């Protein structure tokens, strides 16, 4: 006998690139990216095998981090990501920081705005009532204003958009322990490199899954909502 269809869970993995220095010394752009998918997570096995390939070649590779990995490692990770983009959506909100109003530059103001904008963009593409739960992952954060702002932004948006019967969770897991957070890091870094440095080589590896690149302040009208 069949057990019937499995419940559907929607997974969203968030990562950021750029910094929150709004002076001339800071990055021009801040990028918040998310990868959205359902199970199964096909890239896990290949990435784990690739990681131990590197260890056996004498490296002390602990986890994948795009800005820190050697180019040869980055190439291998992008090879695996590119082969496993089916069922994966990549969305990113790009913020040109000098266009952000001064009142919104504090973490507890800035993060809820950017997070809310990204999550609304992601969630509008899914039949939310069909999911048993929406699970959002971020990298682990210390107890701080930033962590509070992240939680506020996620929870406010999800509570407003999800049908009452669809629960959600926000999990702060160390990216070292979560291969999909590492994939989100690679995808967000690729988008950031395109915008902040006009380097499209990495972006082309994930472009097939990129659904949204939203230069949210381009029109000069501020954050939506």
Foldseek 3Di string as FASTA:
>chain_A
DDPDDDFWEKEKEKDKDWDLPLDPPGFQKIKIKIKIATDDQPLVVVLVVLQVVVVVVPDPDLAAAPVPDDPVSLVSVLVSCLVRLVRMAMAMEMERSNLADPVQSDLLRVLLLRLLLGVVVVVVVDPQVRHQEYEYEYAADDPDSNVVSNVVSVVVNCVVPHDPNYYYYYYHHHCSVPNVNSVRNQQNVLVCCCVRPVDNPSVVSNVVRYDYYHHQCPVVPDGDD
